[in-house]
């Protein structure tokens, strides 16, 4: 499987996901064309094409058609995404894994793909569920008198770990301040370092 960049009329770019037979996968192409028609950027089209290519590789791995999968297959897809890719050679002996946020991005593309095909009656598989009560912790001031709008929640979503921003040490900050030529630059660096402004 591979992804092919295609230039269409008006110098627009789109992406084709080619199967093992070197023909475009029609279900993905309908979805990509839909995204293109509603004005998604070429970068979004490329990202969705890459994510759906990964999903199609998984479907080939488990030997199931796209419209016959179950919720447990999606859970196994997550564990399949976490496995290190044997085709990639990592530098310094470190083995990279997909983070939770990357997997959630792939699941978002997959959820949109199935929602699109469900709406045009190609499948009855859904990865989203609608809740009426709402599960948000934040409630606005007049929450009790407002109409409760149903919210869509993905059935499968990983909890993302929060990472703290990296900071420089005091000696690094001191050497930066000493290397400044003007007092203005020194002031700005001291202000940034002492207040934590970004």
C-alpha atoms as a PDB file:
ATOM      1  CA  UNK A   1       0.000   0.000   0.000  1.00  0.00           C
ATOM      2  CA  UNK A   2       1.133   3.486  -0.747  1.00  0.00           C
ATOM      3  CA  UNK A   3      -0.062   7.068  -0.944  1.00  0.00           C
ATOM      4  CA  UNK A   4       0.168   8.997  -4.186  1.00  0.00           C
ATOM      5  CA  UNK A   5       0.024  12.784  -4.470  1.00  0.00           C
ATOM      6  CA  UNK A   6      -2.124  13.947  -7.393  1.00  0.00           C
ATOM      7  CA  UNK A   7      -2.393  17.445  -8.853  1.00  0.00           C
ATOM      8  CA  UNK A   8      -5.883  18.208 -10.122  1.00  0.00           C
ATOM      9  CA  UNK A   9      -7.392  21.255 -11.814  1.00  0.00           C
ATOM     10  CA  UNK A  10      -6.629  24.756 -10.494  1.00  0.00           C
ATOM     11  CA  UNK A  11      -3.296  23.477  -9.107  1.00  0.00           C
ATOM     12  CA  UNK A  12      -5.041  21.781  -6.172  1.00  0.00           C
ATOM     13  CA  UNK A  13      -3.440  18.769  -4.534  1.00  0.00           C
ATOM     14  CA  UNK A  14      -5.176  15.628  -3.420  1.00  0.00           C
ATOM     15  CA  UNK A  15      -4.020  12.219  -2.270  1.00  0.00           C
ATOM     16  CA  UNK A  16      -4.794   8.703  -3.463  1.00  0.00           C
ATOM     17  CA  UNK A  17      -4.444   5.662  -1.232  1.00  0.00           C
ATOM     18  CA  UNK A  18      -3.428   2.772  -3.455  1.00  0.00           C
ATOM     19  CA  UNK A  19      -4.069  -0.809  -2.419  1.00  0.00           C
ATOM     20  CA  UNK A  20      -1.854  -3.833  -2.999  1.00  0.00           C
ATOM     21  CA  UNK A  21      -3.298  -4.066  -6.527  1.00  0.00           C
ATOM     22  CA  UNK A  22      -2.040  -0.481  -7.211  1.00  0.00           C
ATOM     23  CA  UNK A  23      -5.612   0.774  -7.643  1.00  0.00           C
ATOM     24  CA  UNK A  24      -7.209   3.483  -5.482  1.00  0.00           C
ATOM     25  CA  UNK A  25      -9.257   2.236  -2.541  1.00  0.00           C
ATOM     26  CA  UNK A  26     -12.692   3.566  -3.432  1.00  0.00           C
ATOM     27  CA  UNK A  27     -14.084   3.936   0.118  1.00  0.00           C
ATOM     28  CA  UNK A  28     -11.117   6.106   1.130  1.00  0.00           C
ATOM     29  CA  UNK A  29     -11.291   8.095  -2.106  1.00  0.00           C
ATOM     30  CA  UNK A  30     -14.981   8.936  -1.587  1.00  0.00           C
ATOM     31  CA  UNK A  31     -14.106  10.221   1.874  1.00  0.00           C
ATOM     32  CA  UNK A  32     -11.034  12.181   0.708  1.00  0.00           C
ATOM     33  CA  UNK A  33     -13.094  13.724  -2.111  1.00  0.00           C
ATOM     34  CA  UNK A  34     -15.752  14.716   0.437  1.00  0.00           C
ATOM     35  CA  UNK A  35     -13.096  16.400   2.614  1.00  0.00           C
ATOM     36  CA  UNK A  36     -11.718  18.137  -0.455  1.00  0.00           C
ATOM     37  CA  UNK A  37     -15.170  19.403  -1.473  1.00  0.00           C
ATOM     38  CA  UNK A  38     -15.886  20.905   1.957  1.00  0.00           C
ATOM     39  CA  UNK A  39     -12.617  22.821   1.804  1.00  0.00           C
ATOM     40  CA  UNK A  40     -10.156  20.913   3.965  1.00  0.00           C
ATOM     41  CA  UNK A  41      -6.515  21.845   3.439  1.00  0.00           C
ATOM     42  CA  UNK A  42      -4.098  19.635   1.460  1.00  0.00           C
ATOM     43  CA  UNK A  43      -2.219  18.904   4.697  1.00  0.00           C
ATOM     44  CA  UNK A  44      -5.415  17.571   6.281  1.00  0.00           C
ATOM     45  CA  UNK A  45      -6.091  15.447   3.213  1.00  0.00           C
ATOM     46  CA  UNK A  46      -2.565  14.025   3.369  1.00  0.00           C
ATOM     47  CA  UNK A  47      -2.826  13.298   7.109  1.00  0.00           C
ATOM     48  CA  UNK A  48      -6.204  11.556   6.739  1.00  0.00           C
ATOM     49  CA  UNK A  49      -4.905   9.558   3.776  1.00  0.00           C
ATOM     50  CA  UNK A  50      -1.891   8.429   5.843  1.00  0.00           C
ATOM     51  CA  UNK A  51      -4.067   7.474   8.811  1.00  0.00           C
ATOM     52  CA  UNK A  52      -6.520   5.522   6.677  1.00  0.00           C
ATOM     53  CA  UNK A  53      -3.642   3.783   4.884  1.00  0.00           C
ATOM     54  CA  UNK A  54      -2.444   2.560   8.291  1.00  0.00           C
ATOM     55  CA  UNK A  55      -5.962   1.313   9.045  1.00  0.00           C
ATOM     56  CA  UNK A  56      -6.184  -0.516   5.713  1.00  0.00           C
ATOM     57  CA  UNK A  57      -2.825  -2.176   6.414  1.00  0.00           C
ATOM     58  CA  UNK A  58      -4.278  -3.362   9.713  1.00  0.00           C
ATOM     59  CA  UNK A  59      -7.391  -4.675   7.936  1.00  0.00           C
ATOM     60  CA  UNK A  60      -5.138  -6.643   5.576  1.00  0.00           C
ATOM     61  CA  UNK A  61      -3.232  -7.929   8.603  1.00  0.00           C
ATOM     62  CA  UNK A  62      -6.394  -9.270  10.303  1.00  0.00           C
ATOM     63  CA  UNK A  63      -7.949 -10.201   6.939  1.00  0.00           C
ATOM     64  CA  UNK A  64     -11.307  -8.460   7.483  1.00  0.00           C
ATOM     65  CA  UNK A  65     -13.301  -6.151   5.215  1.00  0.00           C
ATOM     66  CA  UNK A  66     -13.719  -2.563   6.389  1.00  0.00           C
ATOM     67  CA  UNK A  67     -17.486  -2.868   6.863  1.00  0.00           C
ATOM     68  CA  UNK A  68     -17.400  -6.091   8.938  1.00  0.00           C
ATOM     69  CA  UNK A  69     -15.225  -4.978  11.854  1.00  0.00           C
ATOM     70  CA  UNK A  70     -16.382  -4.889  15.464  1.00  0.00           C
ATOM     71  CA  UNK A  71     -15.525  -2.684  18.417  1.00  0.00           C
ATOM     72  CA  UNK A  72     -12.975  -5.237  19.619  1.00  0.00           C
ATOM     73  CA  UNK A  73     -11.181  -4.945  16.267  1.00  0.00           C
ATOM     74  CA  UNK A  74     -10.773  -1.217  16.837  1.00  0.00           C
ATOM     75  CA  UNK A  75      -9.312  -1.901  20.277  1.00  0.00           C
ATOM     76  CA  UNK A  76      -6.856  -4.341  18.698  1.00  0.00           C
ATOM     77  CA  UNK A  77      -6.034  -1.672  16.114  1.00  0.00           C
ATOM     78  CA  UNK A  78      -4.854   0.553  18.961  1.00  0.00           C
ATOM     79  CA  UNK A  79      -2.497  -2.143  20.230  1.00  0.00           C
ATOM     80  CA  UNK A  80      -1.345  -2.730  16.627  1.00  0.00           C
ATOM     81  CA  UNK A  81      -0.504   0.977  16.373  1.00  0.00           C
ATOM     82  CA  UNK A  82       1.577   0.796  19.548  1.00  0.00           C
ATOM     83  CA  UNK A  83       3.822  -1.958  18.189  1.00  0.00           C
ATOM     84  CA  UNK A  84       7.168  -0.726  16.995  1.00  0.00           C
ATOM     85  CA  UNK A  85       7.517  -0.763  13.229  1.00  0.00           C
ATOM     86  CA  UNK A  86      10.129  -3.366  12.209  1.00  0.00           C
ATOM     87  CA  UNK A  87      10.809  -1.522   8.933  1.00  0.00           C
ATOM     88  CA  UNK A  88      12.140   1.595  10.700  1.00  0.00           C
ATOM     89  CA  UNK A  89      15.757   1.810  11.852  1.00  0.00           C
ATOM     90  CA  UNK A  90      16.060   4.079  14.884  1.00  0.00           C
ATOM     91  CA  UNK A  91      19.161   6.110  15.648  1.00  0.00           C
ATOM     92  CA  UNK A  92      21.068   5.700  18.947  1.00  0.00           C
ATOM     93  CA  UNK A  93      19.383   2.349  19.559  1.00  0.00           C
ATOM     94  CA  UNK A  94      16.198   4.059  20.748  1.00  0.00           C
ATOM     95  CA  UNK A  95      12.883   2.584  19.693  1.00  0.00           C
ATOM     96  CA  UNK A  96      10.162   5.120  19.043  1.00  0.00           C
ATOM     97  CA  UNK A  97       6.498   4.474  19.700  1.00  0.00           C
ATOM     98  CA  UNK A  98       3.400   6.347  18.681  1.00  0.00           C
ATOM     99  CA  UNK A  99       2.202   8.564  21.496  1.00  0.00           C
ATOM    100  CA  UNK A 100      -1.336   8.612  22.808  1.00  0.00           C
ATOM    101  CA  UNK A 101      -2.007  11.921  21.068  1.00  0.00           C
ATOM    102  CA  UNK A 102      -0.853  10.478  17.722  1.00  0.00           C
ATOM    103  CA  UNK A 103      -3.087   7.428  18.173  1.00  0.00           C
ATOM    104  CA  UNK A 104      -6.013   9.698  19.109  1.00  0.00           C
ATOM    105  CA  UNK A 105      -5.417  11.693  15.917  1.00  0.00           C
ATOM    106  CA  UNK A 106      -5.552   8.468  13.885  1.00  0.00           C
ATOM    107  CA  UNK A 107      -8.744   7.444  15.695  1.00  0.00           C
ATOM    108  CA  UNK A 108     -10.291  10.841  14.932  1.00  0.00           C
ATOM    109  CA  UNK A 109      -9.660  10.318  11.215  1.00  0.00           C
ATOM    110  CA  UNK A 110     -11.091   6.803  11.456  1.00  0.00           C
ATOM    111  CA  UNK A 111     -14.149   8.052  13.333  1.00  0.00           C
ATOM    112  CA  UNK A 112     -14.798  10.718  10.673  1.00  0.00           C
ATOM    113  CA  UNK A 113     -14.358   8.109   7.942  1.00  0.00           C
ATOM    114  CA  UNK A 114     -16.968   5.770   9.460  1.00  0.00           C
ATOM    115  CA  UNK A 115     -19.350   8.638  10.259  1.00  0.00           C
ATOM    116  CA  UNK A 116     -19.203   9.757   6.613  1.00  0.00           C
ATOM    117  CA  UNK A 117     -19.939   6.247   5.324  1.00  0.00           C
ATOM    118  CA  UNK A 118     -22.689   5.765   7.879  1.00  0.00           C
ATOM    119  CA  UNK A 119     -24.409   8.964   6.734  1.00  0.00           C
ATOM    120  CA  UNK A 120     -24.377   7.873   3.090  1.00  0.00           C
ATOM    121  CA  UNK A 121     -25.656   4.410   4.138  1.00  0.00           C
ATOM    122  CA  UNK A 122     -22.557   2.395   3.205  1.00  0.00           C
ATOM    123  CA  UNK A 123     -22.202   0.890   6.693  1.00  0.00           C
ATOM    124  CA  UNK A 124     -23.870   0.822  10.097  1.00  0.00           C
ATOM    125  CA  UNK A 125     -20.588   0.856  12.052  1.00  0.00           C
ATOM    126  CA  UNK A 126     -20.150   3.866  14.286  1.00  0.00           C
ATOM    127  CA  UNK A 127     -17.305   5.011  16.482  1.00  0.00           C
ATOM    128  CA  UNK A 128     -19.236   7.950  17.921  1.00  0.00           C
ATOM    129  CA  UNK A 129     -22.041   7.896  20.410  1.00  0.00           C
ATOM    130  CA  UNK A 130     -24.371  10.758  21.233  1.00  0.00           C
ATOM    131  CA  UNK A 131     -25.042  11.689  24.820  1.00  0.00           C
ATOM    132  CA  UNK A 132     -27.817  14.057  25.820  1.00  0.00           C
ATOM    133  CA  UNK A 133     -26.780  14.823  29.382  1.00  0.00           C
ATOM    134  CA  UNK A 134     -23.296  16.013  28.535  1.00  0.00           C
ATOM    135  CA  UNK A 135     -20.218  14.916  30.373  1.00  0.00           C
ATOM    136  CA  UNK A 136     -18.377  18.214  30.530  1.00  0.00           C
ATOM    137  CA  UNK A 137     -17.074  19.276  33.925  1.00  0.00           C
ATOM    138  CA  UNK A 138     -17.520  22.952  33.083  1.00  0.00           C
ATOM    139  CA  UNK A 139     -21.078  24.204  33.150  1.00  0.00           C
ATOM    140  CA  UNK A 140     -21.951  27.768  32.092  1.00  0.00           C
ATOM    141  CA  UNK A 141     -23.711  30.240  34.377  1.00  0.00           C
ATOM    142  CA  UNK A 142     -27.239  29.614  33.071  1.00  0.00           C
ATOM    143  CA  UNK A 143     -26.750  25.927  32.401  1.00  0.00           C
ATOM    144  CA  UNK A 144     -29.989  24.922  34.126  1.00  0.00           C
ATOM    145  CA  UNK A 145     -32.190  27.034  31.825  1.00  0.00           C
ATOM    146  CA  UNK A 146     -30.396  26.418  28.541  1.00  0.00           C
ATOM    147  CA  UNK A 147     -31.296  23.662  26.146  1.00  0.00           C
ATOM    148  CA  UNK A 148     -28.999  20.710  26.509  1.00  0.00           C
ATOM    149  CA  UNK A 149     -27.444  20.019  23.147  1.00  0.00           C
ATOM    150  CA  UNK A 150     -26.440  16.439  22.433  1.00  0.00           C
ATOM    151  CA  UNK A 151     -22.712  15.894  22.277  1.00  0.00           C
ATOM    152  CA  UNK A 152     -20.794  13.377  20.225  1.00  0.00           C
ATOM    153  CA  UNK A 153     -18.288  11.311  22.147  1.00  0.00           C
ATOM    154  CA  UNK A 154     -15.884   8.826  20.609  1.00  0.00           C
ATOM    155  CA  UNK A 155     -16.253   5.309  21.934  1.00  0.00           C
ATOM    156  CA  UNK A 156     -12.516   4.648  21.821  1.00  0.00           C
ATOM    157  CA  UNK A 157     -10.115   7.317  23.014  1.00  0.00           C
ATOM    158  CA  UNK A 158      -6.826   7.087  24.861  1.00  0.00           C
ATOM    159  CA  UNK A 159      -5.969   9.198  27.864  1.00  0.00           C
ATOM    160  CA  UNK A 160      -3.120  11.513  26.927  1.00  0.00           C
ATOM    161  CA  UNK A 161      -0.259  12.194  29.311  1.00  0.00           C
ATOM    162  CA  UNK A 162       0.474  15.835  29.958  1.00  0.00           C
ATOM    163  CA  UNK A 163       4.078  16.893  29.538  1.00  0.00           C
ATOM    164  CA  UNK A 164       5.624  19.892  31.219  1.00  0.00           C
ATOM    165  CA  UNK A 165       7.561  22.375  29.097  1.00  0.00           C
ATOM    166  CA  UNK A 166      11.344  22.131  29.186  1.00  0.00           C
ATOM    167  CA  UNK A 167      13.181  24.947  30.927  1.00  0.00           C
ATOM    168  CA  UNK A 168      16.797  26.059  30.851  1.00  0.00           C
ATOM    169  CA  UNK A 169      19.015  25.909  33.910  1.00  0.00           C
ATOM    170  CA  UNK A 170      20.238  28.963  35.815  1.00  0.00           C
ATOM    171  CA  UNK A 171      23.758  28.613  34.409  1.00  0.00           C
ATOM    172  CA  UNK A 172      22.418  28.444  30.847  1.00  0.00           C
ATOM    173  CA  UNK A 173      20.307  31.548  31.481  1.00  0.00           C
ATOM    174  CA  UNK A 174      23.297  33.368  32.950  1.00  0.00           C
ATOM    175  CA  UNK A 175      25.499  32.553  29.953  1.00  0.00           C
ATOM    176  CA  UNK A 176      22.723  33.741  27.593  1.00  0.00           C
ATOM    177  CA  UNK A 177      22.398  37.019  29.488  1.00  0.00           C
ATOM    178  CA  UNK A 178      26.168  37.567  29.468  1.00  0.00           C
ATOM    179  CA  UNK A 179      26.344  36.972  25.719  1.00  0.00           C
ATOM    180  CA  UNK A 180      23.867  39.805  25.002  1.00  0.00           C
ATOM    181  CA  UNK A 181      25.359  42.960  23.528  1.00  0.00           C
ATOM    182  CA  UNK A 182      22.704  45.530  24.497  1.00  0.00           C
ATOM    183  CA  UNK A 183      21.056  46.196  27.836  1.00  0.00           C
ATOM    184  CA  UNK A 184      17.665  45.907  26.129  1.00  0.00           C
ATOM    185  CA  UNK A 185      18.372  42.280  25.124  1.00  0.00           C
ATOM    186  CA  UNK A 186      19.644  41.500  28.630  1.00  0.00           C
ATOM    187  CA  UNK A 187      16.498  43.021  30.128  1.00  0.00           C
ATOM    188  CA  UNK A 188      14.239  40.983  27.831  1.00  0.00           C
ATOM    189  CA  UNK A 189      16.029  37.724  28.650  1.00  0.00           C
ATOM    190  CA  UNK A 190      15.958  38.403  32.404  1.00  0.00           C
ATOM    191  CA  UNK A 191      12.256  39.302  32.146  1.00  0.00           C
ATOM    192  CA  UNK A 192      11.477  36.107  30.260  1.00  0.00           C
ATOM    193  CA  UNK A 193      13.503  33.924  32.617  1.00  0.00           C
ATOM    194  CA  UNK A 194      12.301  35.429  35.901  1.00  0.00           C
ATOM    195  CA  UNK A 195       8.609  35.719  35.051  1.00  0.00           C
ATOM    196  CA  UNK A 196       8.253  32.586  32.920  1.00  0.00           C
ATOM    197  CA  UNK A 197       6.576  34.524  30.111  1.00  0.00           C
ATOM    198  CA  UNK A 198       6.471  32.985  26.659  1.00  0.00           C
END
